Amino acid sequence: MHELLSTAEMARADAAAIAGGVPGIRLMEAAGRAVADAVATRFPLATRVAVLCGPGNNGGDGFVAARVLRERGFRVRLGLLGDVGALKGDAAEAAARCPVPAEPLSPEILADAGVVVDALFGAGLARPLEGVAAEMVRVVTAARLPVVAVDLPSGISGDTGQVLGCAFEAIASVTFFRRKPGHLLLPGRRHCGAVRVVDIGIPGAVLGGIAPQTFVDEPALWRAHYPVPRLDAHKYGRGHALVLSGPATRTGAARLAAGAALRAGAGLVTLASPGDALAVNAAHLTAVMLRKVDTPGDLAAMLADARFNAVALGPAFGVGAATREFVAVALGGARTVVLDADALTSFAGDAAALAALVGAAGEAFAVLTPHEGEFHRLFPQIAAGSKLDRARAAAAATGAVVLLKGPDTVVAAPDGRAAIAENAPPWLATAGSGDVLAGIVTGLAAAGMPAFEAAAAAVWMHGEAANAVGPGLIAEDLAPALRGVVAGLVSP
């Protein structure tokens, strides 16, 4: 699996490698050469390169890149933020080895440049760009000069992906050892361009002492838990998912979720429908079964059957006190409960009440699937921090797995684990796609996946199905497209 390292964790990895006997200048040489390689593969010899160096180790990488590019026949001009005499450690050594004279950083460095190497700050920036650094961003952006960034475009937080004042927009970023959350979280991901991760000599063993808790959402993270049916499998052994429908005029969302749950892997799926919606639901259902449920008591009677081992509640269900009662009943047994849409909005501003229900549920495993609007309604007190921070805070506060949706969906568990998705295409921004996602989570949970892994797998599968459909996607396309995604996961 691919870990994501915060800036503090990356600093620990560097320090551990150096303490283990890898000279820091060797790491810097490897990093700078990788940056030079990235420039050389995109631009012809004799291109004029403007290398913008900062006062720290990111700038040291830039000095190495400038030297190597000069050796390869590129025309290089180097601008330094600060004074060469103020450089320390490995950065000072890299500057001493570089034959390209360091000029004061200014827009003049960009004269006739065909490409810019951004080695100003990288991932460690903690405050907005200002002064000449901010001016360089404005001039480079206005001139539409291509930028190759060292580690991360300057102005982007490596931990949050947020723009700190202003930031370069790179065509490519070269990072080292592991990516940072800011490479995946928006808007940082838009600024990074094509990201290449380079091995510069940091031993993978250093991760043992860091124990990272943030990961790329990809099959390697959860494949060991993916429910591949055995040769002797039967439908009753693959789990029975229950999806609750809204009233007669609002039934489509629940049917989207139910169909996705069945396609994702549940052996059986039942749609619990109000009496006034039975006819409309029956007219659209085939493999999904149908039961009448009008009250929380009706639901409790159904869930007395322990074979219903996963429940989805919320899509177009209705907002209010009655929905809260249904949620309380659903959480009252040993099963995974996926709460989406109206089930979340019914607790707007009262996340503590929802957390109390989750905590009292004992063996229940809740998964909350808000989009940003629903998240802010449910957790108005969790407004600060990155998307990753907010999802983690909500998971810790409620004891539930939180799936915070968007083009950079984050899945966070109460124990601190988190995964960030990067495979969602823009076509998923369409009505009903979230209902399908809730259904996929429910189907995987019914088939036996733990809650965090089911949520992370569902997000990835949702994105892959959308990629398979492509432009013009509507929500009804997603469940059929899951067939190819599932086939890829179970093939040897």
Foldseek 3Di string as FASTA:
>chain_A
DAFADAPVLVVLLLVVQVVVPDPSLLLLLLLLVVLLVVVPVVDPAQAEEEEEAAQASLNLSSLNVQQVSVVVRYHYAYEYDDDLVSHDDSSNVSNVPHPHDYDHQACVSCVRGQEYEYSHQAQPDDAADDDRVVVNQVVCVVVVHAYEYENFWPQAHLAFLDGHNHTAQHLAYEHEDHGGVNCQHPPRVRRHRHYDYDYSPRDPVSCVVVVGQEAALDCVVQLVQFQDDDPPDAQLLQAEAEEEAAAQVQGPLSVLLQLLLVLLTHSAYEYAYAPRNVVVVVVPDDRHHYDYDHALVSVLVVVVPVRNAEYEDARNHDAEDRLCSNLLSVLQEQHEYEYEHRNLLNCFPPLVVQLVSNVVSVNYAYEYEYEPVSLCRNCVVQDDDHPLVSQQVSQLNRQHWYFHDDCFTKTAHNVGHIHTYNQADPQCPEPSLSSSLSSQLRSRRRSPGPNRSSNSVSVVLSSVLDVVVDPPDHSVSRSVSSNVVVCVSNDD
